[in-house]
Amino acid sequence: VVIKKLKPKAPPGGKVVFDTALLLKAAQAELEAAKAKQTEVEAQRGEEIAFLKAEEERKLVEALEALPAIADAKGVVHDAEIAVETTADALAAYESEAPDTDTTAA
């Protein structure tokens, strides 16, 4: 923000006099404008931080809600692995105990 320079007034006596009251008012107006802008920027920053925190919290809640499903899925996979191993063992045992019924060799 630029403070406009006021042109000096030449009174009848020839001395240059600045209107200090006008300069002071202009400086105060600039200061108030700067304070208002700072407040606006701080408010906007606060809103952005609040939004980011809310987004982070939402993602965390989603992750926590997914944990039971992940645990269930791991349990299902584990049960399936056991079932595959048990089936493979049972098939191997059956094949080793079954009589040879191949009649094409005789």
N, C-alpha and C. Protein backbone atom coordinates (compact mmCIF):
# COMPACT_ATOMS: atom_id res chain seq x y z
N VAL A 1 0.86 -1.16 0.00
CA VAL A 1 0.00 0.00 0.00
C VAL A 1 0.90 1.22 0.00
N VAL A 2 0.60 2.15 -0.84
CA VAL A 2 1.45 3.33 -1.00
C VAL A 2 0.74 4.54 -0.41
N ILE A 3 1.46 5.26 0.40
CA ILE A 3 0.93 6.52 0.94
C ILE A 3 1.25 7.60 -0.09
N LYS A 4 0.24 8.27 -0.49
CA LYS A 4 0.44 9.33 -1.47
C LYS A 4 1.12 10.52 -0.80
N LYS A 5 2.10 11.02 -1.48
CA LYS A 5 2.78 12.19 -0.95
C LYS A 5 1.93 13.42 -1.25
N LEU A 6 1.76 14.21 -0.23
CA LEU A 6 1.00 15.45 -0.41
C LEU A 6 1.94 16.56 -0.87
N LYS A 7 1.46 17.34 -1.76
CA LYS A 7 2.28 18.46 -2.25
C LYS A 7 2.32 19.53 -1.16
N PRO A 8 3.48 20.05 -0.95
CA PRO A 8 3.58 21.09 0.07
C PRO A 8 2.81 22.35 -0.34
N LYS A 9 2.30 23.01 0.65
CA LYS A 9 1.57 24.26 0.39
C LYS A 9 2.53 25.43 0.67
N ALA A 10 2.50 26.34 -0.18
CA ALA A 10 3.34 27.52 0.02
C ALA A 10 2.45 28.64 0.56
N PRO A 11 2.61 28.94 1.84
CA PRO A 11 1.81 30.03 2.39
C PRO A 11 2.32 31.37 1.88
N PRO A 12 1.57 32.40 2.16
CA PRO A 12 1.98 33.72 1.68
C PRO A 12 3.39 34.12 2.11
N GLY A 13 3.87 33.61 3.23
CA GLY A 13 5.20 34.00 3.70
C GLY A 13 6.30 33.32 2.90
N GLY A 14 5.98 32.35 2.04
CA GLY A 14 6.98 31.69 1.22
C GLY A 14 7.53 30.42 1.83
N LYS A 15 7.24 30.10 3.08
CA LYS A 15 7.74 28.86 3.68
C LYS A 15 6.85 27.69 3.25
N VAL A 16 7.48 26.54 3.05
CA VAL A 16 6.73 25.34 2.69
C VAL A 16 6.28 24.67 3.98
N VAL A 17 4.98 24.41 4.06
CA VAL A 17 4.42 23.79 5.25
C VAL A 17 3.65 22.54 4.81
N PHE A 18 3.88 21.44 5.51
CA PHE A 18 3.14 20.21 5.24
C PHE A 18 1.95 20.14 6.17
N ASP A 19 0.86 19.64 5.66
CA ASP A 19 -0.33 19.48 6.49
C ASP A 19 -0.17 18.17 7.25
N THR A 20 0.40 18.26 8.43
CA THR A 20 0.67 17.05 9.22
C THR A 20 -0.59 16.31 9.61
N ALA A 21 -1.67 17.02 9.79
CA ALA A 21 -2.93 16.36 10.14
C ALA A 21 -3.38 15.45 9.01
N LEU A 22 -3.25 15.93 7.77
CA LEU A 22 -3.63 15.09 6.63
C LEU A 22 -2.68 13.90 6.48
N LEU A 23 -1.39 14.14 6.69
CA LEU A 23 -0.43 13.03 6.62
C LEU A 23 -0.72 11.98 7.69
N LEU A 24 -1.04 12.42 8.88
CA LEU A 24 -1.36 11.51 9.97
C LEU A 24 -2.62 10.70 9.65
N LYS A 25 -3.64 11.37 9.14
CA LYS A 25 -4.88 10.67 8.78
C LYS A 25 -4.63 9.63 7.69
N ALA A 26 -3.83 9.99 6.70
CA ALA A 26 -3.51 9.05 5.62
C ALA A 26 -2.75 7.85 6.15
N ALA A 27 -1.79 8.10 7.03
CA ALA A 27 -1.02 7.01 7.63
C ALA A 27 -1.91 6.10 8.47
N GLN A 28 -2.84 6.69 9.23
CA GLN A 28 -3.75 5.89 10.05
C GLN A 28 -4.67 5.05 9.17
N ALA A 29 -5.13 5.62 8.07
CA ALA A 29 -5.99 4.87 7.15
C ALA A 29 -5.24 3.70 6.54
N GLU A 30 -3.98 3.92 6.18
CA GLU A 30 -3.16 2.84 5.64
C GLU A 30 -2.93 1.75 6.69
N LEU A 31 -2.71 2.18 7.92
CA LEU A 31 -2.50 1.21 9.00
C LEU A 31 -3.75 0.38 9.24
N GLU A 32 -4.91 1.01 9.25
CA GLU A 32 -6.17 0.30 9.43
C GLU A 32 -6.41 -0.69 8.29
N ALA A 33 -6.09 -0.27 7.06
CA ALA A 33 -6.26 -1.16 5.91
C ALA A 33 -5.33 -2.37 6.02
N ALA A 34 -4.10 -2.13 6.47
CA ALA A 34 -3.15 -3.23 6.64
C ALA A 34 -3.61 -4.19 7.74
N LYS A 35 -4.14 -3.65 8.83
CA LYS A 35 -4.65 -4.50 9.91
C LYS A 35 -5.84 -5.33 9.44
N ALA A 36 -6.72 -4.72 8.66
CA ALA A 36 -7.88 -5.45 8.14
C ALA A 36 -7.44 -6.57 7.21
N LYS A 37 -6.44 -6.30 6.36
CA LYS A 37 -5.93 -7.31 5.45
C LYS A 37 -5.28 -8.45 6.24
N GLN A 38 -4.52 -8.11 7.28
CA GLN A 38 -3.88 -9.13 8.11
C GLN A 38 -4.94 -10.00 8.78
N THR A 39 -5.99 -9.41 9.29
CA THR A 39 -7.06 -10.16 9.93
C THR A 39 -7.73 -11.09 8.93
N GLU A 40 -7.94 -10.59 7.72
CA GLU A 40 -8.56 -11.40 6.67
C GLU A 40 -7.68 -12.60 6.31
N VAL A 41 -6.37 -12.35 6.17
CA VAL A 41 -5.44 -13.42 5.83
C VAL A 41 -5.38 -14.46 6.96
N GLU A 42 -5.35 -14.00 8.21
CA GLU A 42 -5.32 -14.92 9.34
C GLU A 42 -6.60 -15.75 9.41
N ALA A 43 -7.74 -15.15 9.13
CA ALA A 43 -9.01 -15.88 9.13
C ALA A 43 -9.02 -16.94 8.03
N GLN A 44 -8.52 -16.56 6.86
CA GLN A 44 -8.48 -17.51 5.74
C GLN A 44 -7.54 -18.66 6.08
N ARG A 45 -6.42 -18.36 6.68
CA ARG A 45 -5.46 -19.40 7.07
C ARG A 45 -6.08 -20.33 8.10
N GLY A 46 -6.82 -19.75 9.05
CA GLY A 46 -7.49 -20.56 10.06
C GLY A 46 -8.52 -21.49 9.44
N GLU A 47 -9.25 -21.01 8.43
CA GLU A 47 -10.23 -21.84 7.74
C GLU A 47 -9.54 -22.99 7.00
N GLU A 48 -8.41 -22.68 6.37
CA GLU A 48 -7.67 -23.71 5.64
C GLU A 48 -7.15 -24.77 6.60
N ILE A 49 -6.64 -24.36 7.73
CA ILE A 49 -6.14 -25.31 8.72
C ILE A 49 -7.28 -26.18 9.24
N ALA A 50 -8.42 -25.57 9.52
CA ALA A 50 -9.57 -26.33 10.01
C ALA A 50 -10.03 -27.33 8.95
N PHE A 51 -10.02 -26.93 7.68
CA PHE A 51 -10.42 -27.84 6.61
C PHE A 51 -9.46 -29.02 6.53
N LEU A 52 -8.16 -28.74 6.59
CA LEU A 52 -7.16 -29.81 6.51
C LEU A 52 -7.28 -30.77 7.70
N LYS A 53 -7.52 -30.23 8.88
CA LYS A 53 -7.69 -31.09 10.05
C LYS A 53 -8.93 -31.96 9.92
N ALA A 54 -10.02 -31.38 9.42
CA ALA A 54 -11.26 -32.15 9.23
C ALA A 54 -11.05 -33.25 8.19
N GLU A 55 -10.34 -32.95 7.13
CA GLU A 55 -10.06 -33.95 6.09
C GLU A 55 -9.19 -35.08 6.65
N GLU A 56 -8.20 -34.72 7.43
CA GLU A 56 -7.32 -35.72 8.04
C GLU A 56 -8.11 -36.60 9.00
N GLU A 57 -8.98 -35.99 9.78
CA GLU A 57 -9.81 -36.74 10.73
C GLU A 57 -10.76 -37.68 9.99
N ARG A 58 -11.33 -37.22 8.87
CA ARG A 58 -12.24 -38.05 8.09
C ARG A 58 -11.51 -39.28 7.55
N LYS A 59 -10.29 -39.09 7.05
CA LYS A 59 -9.51 -40.22 6.54
C LYS A 59 -9.16 -41.20 7.65
N LEU A 60 -8.85 -40.67 8.81
CA LEU A 60 -8.53 -41.53 9.95
C LEU A 60 -9.74 -42.36 10.36
N VAL A 61 -10.91 -41.74 10.39
CA VAL A 61 -12.14 -42.45 10.74
C VAL A 61 -12.40 -43.56 9.72
N GLU A 62 -12.22 -43.25 8.44
CA GLU A 62 -12.42 -44.26 7.39
C GLU A 62 -11.47 -45.44 7.60
N ALA A 63 -10.22 -45.13 7.92
CA ALA A 63 -9.23 -46.20 8.14
C ALA A 63 -9.61 -47.05 9.35
N LEU A 64 -10.04 -46.40 10.42
CA LEU A 64 -10.43 -47.14 11.62
C LEU A 64 -11.67 -47.99 11.37
N GLU A 65 -12.60 -47.47 10.57
CA GLU A 65 -13.79 -48.25 10.25
C GLU A 65 -13.46 -49.46 9.38
N ALA A 66 -12.39 -49.37 8.60
CA ALA A 66 -12.00 -50.47 7.72
C ALA A 66 -11.25 -51.58 8.45
N LEU A 67 -10.72 -51.29 9.63
CA LEU A 67 -9.91 -52.29 10.35
C LEU A 67 -10.66 -53.60 10.62
N PRO A 68 -11.90 -53.58 11.11
CA PRO A 68 -12.59 -54.86 11.34
C PRO A 68 -12.76 -55.67 10.05
N ALA A 69 -13.05 -55.00 8.95
CA ALA A 69 -13.21 -55.71 7.68
C ALA A 69 -11.89 -56.33 7.24
N ILE A 70 -10.81 -55.61 7.47
CA ILE A 70 -9.48 -56.15 7.12
C ILE A 70 -9.16 -57.37 7.98
N ALA A 71 -9.46 -57.28 9.26
CA ALA A 71 -9.23 -58.42 10.16
C ALA A 71 -10.08 -59.61 9.73
N ASP A 72 -11.34 -59.37 9.38
CA ASP A 72 -12.21 -60.46 8.91
C ASP A 72 -11.66 -61.09 7.64
N ALA A 73 -11.19 -60.26 6.73
CA ALA A 73 -10.65 -60.77 5.47
C ALA A 73 -9.40 -61.62 5.73
N LYS A 74 -8.56 -61.17 6.65
CA LYS A 74 -7.37 -61.96 6.99
C LYS A 74 -7.77 -63.31 7.58
N GLY A 75 -8.82 -63.29 8.41
CA GLY A 75 -9.31 -64.54 9.00
C GLY A 75 -9.85 -65.48 7.94
N VAL A 76 -10.58 -64.94 6.96
CA VAL A 76 -11.11 -65.76 5.88
C VAL A 76 -9.98 -66.36 5.05
N VAL A 77 -8.96 -65.56 4.75
CA VAL A 77 -7.82 -66.06 3.99
C VAL A 77 -7.11 -67.16 4.77
N HIS A 78 -6.94 -66.96 6.06
CA HIS A 78 -6.28 -67.98 6.89
C HIS A 78 -7.10 -69.27 6.90
N ASP A 79 -8.41 -69.14 7.06
CA ASP A 79 -9.28 -70.32 7.05
C ASP A 79 -9.20 -71.03 5.70
N ALA A 80 -9.14 -70.27 4.61
CA ALA A 80 -9.05 -70.87 3.28
C ALA A 80 -7.72 -71.59 3.11
N GLU A 81 -6.64 -71.03 3.64
CA GLU A 81 -5.33 -71.70 3.55
C GLU A 81 -5.36 -73.03 4.29
N ILE A 82 -5.99 -73.02 5.47
CA ILE A 82 -6.10 -74.27 6.25
C ILE A 82 -6.95 -75.28 5.48
N ALA A 83 -8.04 -74.83 4.88
CA ALA A 83 -8.90 -75.73 4.13
C ALA A 83 -8.16 -76.33 2.93
N VAL A 84 -7.36 -75.54 2.26
CA VAL A 84 -6.59 -76.05 1.11
C VAL A 84 -5.58 -77.09 1.59
N GLU A 85 -4.88 -76.79 2.68
CA GLU A 85 -3.90 -77.75 3.21
C GLU A 85 -4.58 -79.04 3.65
N THR A 86 -5.72 -78.92 4.32
CA THR A 86 -6.44 -80.10 4.79
C THR A 86 -6.93 -80.93 3.62
N THR A 87 -7.45 -80.28 2.60
CA THR A 87 -7.94 -80.98 1.41
C THR A 87 -6.79 -81.68 0.70
N ALA A 88 -5.65 -80.98 0.60
CA ALA A 88 -4.49 -81.58 -0.06
C ALA A 88 -4.00 -82.80 0.73
N ASP A 89 -3.96 -82.70 2.06
CA ASP A 89 -3.55 -83.83 2.89
C ASP A 89 -4.52 -85.00 2.75
N ALA A 90 -5.83 -84.69 2.75
CA ALA A 90 -6.83 -85.74 2.63
C ALA A 90 -6.75 -86.42 1.28
N LEU A 91 -6.53 -85.63 0.22
CA LEU A 91 -6.41 -86.20 -1.12
C LEU A 91 -5.17 -87.08 -1.22
N ALA A 92 -4.08 -86.65 -0.64
CA ALA A 92 -2.85 -87.45 -0.66
C ALA A 92 -3.04 -88.75 0.11
N ALA A 93 -3.72 -88.67 1.25
CA ALA A 93 -3.97 -89.88 2.05
C ALA A 93 -4.89 -90.82 1.29
N TYR A 94 -5.91 -90.29 0.64
CA TYR A 94 -6.84 -91.12 -0.11
C TYR A 94 -6.14 -91.82 -1.25
N GLU A 95 -5.29 -91.07 -1.97
CA GLU A 95 -4.59 -91.66 -3.11
C GLU A 95 -3.60 -92.72 -2.68
N SER A 96 -3.01 -92.58 -1.49
CA SER A 96 -2.03 -93.57 -1.06
C SER A 96 -2.71 -94.83 -0.52
N GLU A 97 -3.95 -94.73 -0.03
CA GLU A 97 -4.66 -95.88 0.52
C GLU A 97 -5.57 -96.56 -0.51
N ALA A 98 -5.90 -95.89 -1.56
CA ALA A 98 -6.85 -96.46 -2.53
C ALA A 98 -6.17 -97.59 -3.31
N PRO A 99 -6.92 -98.72 -3.52
CA PRO A 99 -6.35 -99.82 -4.32
C PRO A 99 -6.22 -99.36 -5.78
N ASP A 100 -5.29 -99.92 -6.43
CA ASP A 100 -5.06 -99.59 -7.83
C ASP A 100 -6.17 -100.21 -8.66
N THR A 101 -7.01 -99.40 -9.24
CA THR A 101 -8.13 -99.90 -10.02
C THR A 101 -7.86 -99.78 -11.52
N ASP A 102 -6.64 -99.63 -11.87
CA ASP A 102 -6.27 -99.49 -13.27
C ASP A 102 -6.32 -100.87 -13.92
N THR A 103 -7.32 -101.15 -14.76
CA THR A 103 -7.49 -102.47 -15.38
C THR A 103 -6.93 -102.50 -16.79
N THR A 104 -6.38 -101.46 -17.26
CA THR A 104 -5.86 -101.43 -18.62
C THR A 104 -4.55 -102.16 -18.71
N ALA A 105 -3.81 -102.36 -17.63
CA ALA A 105 -2.52 -103.01 -17.67
C ALA A 105 -2.67 -104.53 -17.71
N ALA A 106 -3.76 -105.05 -17.28
CA ALA A 106 -3.91 -106.51 -17.20
C ALA A 106 -4.32 -107.09 -18.47
